Every structure is written in C-alpha cells, then in structure tokens.
Amino acid sequence: MPKEVAVIGLMIVAGFLIGGVYAAWKTAKVFAVVLGLLAALAVGGAIAWML
C-alpha cells in the first residue's frame, strides 16, 4: 500500500472524528473530548506516517 493512501485514510478518519466532536459537544462533553483526542491521534499518526 502506498504511503499516501494510509495518510489520506487517517485524515479521513480524523475528519469523521472531528465531525463527531462537533455533533456531540452540546450534549456529551466527555464523549466529545474523547473523540477529539482520538482525532488528534489520527492526525498525529498521519503526520508521522508522512515523515
């Protein structure tokens, strides 16, 4: 699998997680924070994979 495919996949996952943060923020702040942390991990993994 080319390196770019994995990076794009991780960025897509991060985008879905950020959307979940936006949707859950008003009702479930703890869950939104967990999703935000997972999104940050996905973005960090994509950046690390690029390097």
N, C-alpha and C. Protein backbone atom coordinates (compact mmCIF):
# COMPACT_ATOMS: atom_id res chain seq x y z
N MET A 1 0.85 -1.17 0.00
CA MET A 1 0.00 0.00 0.00
C MET A 1 0.90 1.24 0.00
N PRO A 2 0.67 2.15 -0.93
CA PRO A 2 1.47 3.37 -0.96
C PRO A 2 1.27 4.20 0.31
N LYS A 3 2.30 4.95 0.63
CA LYS A 3 2.27 5.75 1.86
C LYS A 3 1.14 6.78 1.84
N GLU A 4 0.85 7.32 0.68
CA GLU A 4 -0.17 8.36 0.58
C GLU A 4 -1.57 7.84 0.92
N VAL A 5 -1.83 6.59 0.58
CA VAL A 5 -3.15 6.01 0.85
C VAL A 5 -3.39 5.93 2.36
N ALA A 6 -2.39 5.53 3.11
CA ALA A 6 -2.54 5.44 4.57
C ALA A 6 -2.72 6.83 5.18
N VAL A 7 -1.98 7.81 4.68
CA VAL A 7 -2.10 9.17 5.20
C VAL A 7 -3.49 9.73 4.91
N ILE A 8 -3.99 9.54 3.70
CA ILE A 8 -5.32 10.03 3.35
C ILE A 8 -6.38 9.32 4.19
N GLY A 9 -6.22 8.02 4.40
CA GLY A 9 -7.16 7.27 5.22
C GLY A 9 -7.21 7.79 6.65
N LEU A 10 -6.05 8.07 7.22
CA LEU A 10 -6.02 8.60 8.58
C LEU A 10 -6.64 9.99 8.66
N MET A 11 -6.44 10.79 7.63
CA MET A 11 -7.04 12.13 7.62
C MET A 11 -8.56 12.04 7.49
N ILE A 12 -9.05 11.06 6.73
CA ILE A 12 -10.49 10.86 6.61
C ILE A 12 -11.07 10.44 7.96
N VAL A 13 -10.40 9.53 8.64
CA VAL A 13 -10.85 9.09 9.97
C VAL A 13 -10.87 10.28 10.93
N ALA A 14 -9.82 11.10 10.87
CA ALA A 14 -9.76 12.28 11.74
C ALA A 14 -10.92 13.23 11.43
N GLY A 15 -11.26 13.38 10.16
CA GLY A 15 -12.38 14.24 9.80
C GLY A 15 -13.70 13.74 10.36
N PHE A 16 -13.93 12.44 10.28
CA PHE A 16 -15.15 11.87 10.86
C PHE A 16 -15.17 12.08 12.38
N LEU A 17 -14.03 11.91 13.01
CA LEU A 17 -13.98 12.09 14.46
C LEU A 17 -14.22 13.55 14.84
N ILE A 18 -13.69 14.48 14.08
CA ILE A 18 -13.93 15.90 14.36
C ILE A 18 -15.41 16.23 14.16
N GLY A 19 -16.03 15.62 13.16
CA GLY A 19 -17.47 15.79 12.99
C GLY A 19 -18.24 15.26 14.18
N GLY A 20 -17.79 14.16 14.74
CA GLY A 20 -18.42 13.63 15.95
C GLY A 20 -18.25 14.55 17.13
N VAL A 21 -17.09 15.19 17.24
CA VAL A 21 -16.87 16.17 18.30
C VAL A 21 -17.87 17.31 18.16
N TYR A 22 -18.03 17.81 16.95
CA TYR A 22 -18.95 18.91 16.71
C TYR A 22 -20.39 18.52 17.06
N ALA A 23 -20.77 17.31 16.69
CA ALA A 23 -22.14 16.87 16.93
C ALA A 23 -22.41 16.57 18.40
N ALA A 24 -21.42 16.09 19.12
CA ALA A 24 -21.64 15.65 20.49
C ALA A 24 -21.34 16.73 21.53
N TRP A 25 -20.78 17.86 21.13
CA TRP A 25 -20.29 18.82 22.11
C TRP A 25 -21.40 19.35 23.02
N LYS A 26 -22.58 19.62 22.49
CA LYS A 26 -23.64 20.22 23.32
C LYS A 26 -24.25 19.24 24.31
N THR A 27 -24.23 17.96 24.00
CA THR A 27 -24.93 17.00 24.86
C THR A 27 -23.99 16.14 25.69
N ALA A 28 -22.86 15.74 25.14
CA ALA A 28 -21.96 14.81 25.83
C ALA A 28 -20.52 15.31 25.72
N LYS A 29 -20.17 16.23 26.60
CA LYS A 29 -18.86 16.85 26.51
C LYS A 29 -17.71 15.87 26.75
N VAL A 30 -17.89 14.93 27.65
CA VAL A 30 -16.82 13.96 27.92
C VAL A 30 -16.56 13.10 26.69
N PHE A 31 -17.63 12.63 26.06
CA PHE A 31 -17.51 11.84 24.84
C PHE A 31 -16.87 12.66 23.72
N ALA A 32 -17.22 13.94 23.65
CA ALA A 32 -16.65 14.82 22.63
C ALA A 32 -15.15 15.00 22.85
N VAL A 33 -14.73 15.10 24.09
CA VAL A 33 -13.30 15.24 24.39
C VAL A 33 -12.56 13.98 23.99
N VAL A 34 -13.14 12.82 24.27
CA VAL A 34 -12.51 11.56 23.88
C VAL A 34 -12.38 11.48 22.36
N LEU A 35 -13.43 11.86 21.65
CA LEU A 35 -13.36 11.87 20.19
C LEU A 35 -12.31 12.86 19.70
N GLY A 36 -12.19 13.99 20.36
CA GLY A 36 -11.17 14.97 19.99
C GLY A 36 -9.77 14.43 20.17
N LEU A 37 -9.55 13.71 21.26
CA LEU A 37 -8.24 13.09 21.48
C LEU A 37 -7.93 12.04 20.42
N LEU A 38 -8.92 11.26 20.06
CA LEU A 38 -8.73 10.26 19.01
C LEU A 38 -8.45 10.92 17.66
N ALA A 39 -9.11 12.03 17.40
CA ALA A 39 -8.86 12.77 16.16
C ALA A 39 -7.43 13.31 16.14
N ALA A 40 -6.98 13.82 17.28
CA ALA A 40 -5.61 14.32 17.36
C ALA A 40 -4.60 13.19 17.14
N LEU A 41 -4.90 12.01 17.67
CA LEU A 41 -4.02 10.86 17.45
C LEU A 41 -3.99 10.45 15.98
N ALA A 42 -5.14 10.52 15.32
CA ALA A 42 -5.19 10.17 13.91
C ALA A 42 -4.39 11.16 13.07
N VAL A 43 -4.52 12.44 13.37
CA VAL A 43 -3.75 13.45 12.64
C VAL A 43 -2.27 13.29 12.93
N GLY A 44 -1.93 13.05 14.18
CA GLY A 44 -0.52 12.82 14.52
C GLY A 44 0.05 11.59 13.84
N GLY A 45 -0.74 10.54 13.75
CA GLY A 45 -0.30 9.35 13.06
C GLY A 45 -0.10 9.59 11.58
N ALA A 46 -0.98 10.39 10.97
CA ALA A 46 -0.83 10.72 9.55
C ALA A 46 0.44 11.52 9.31
N ILE A 47 0.70 12.47 10.20
CA ILE A 47 1.92 13.28 10.05
C ILE A 47 3.16 12.42 10.25
N ALA A 48 3.13 11.54 11.24
CA ALA A 48 4.28 10.66 11.48
C ALA A 48 4.49 9.71 10.31
N TRP A 49 3.39 9.23 9.73
CA TRP A 49 3.49 8.30 8.61
C TRP A 49 4.08 8.99 7.38
N MET A 50 3.76 10.30 7.22
CA MET A 50 4.29 11.06 6.09
C MET A 50 5.80 11.22 6.19
N LEU A 51 6.28 11.38 7.38
CA LEU A 51 7.71 11.59 7.57
C LEU A 51 8.41 10.27 7.51
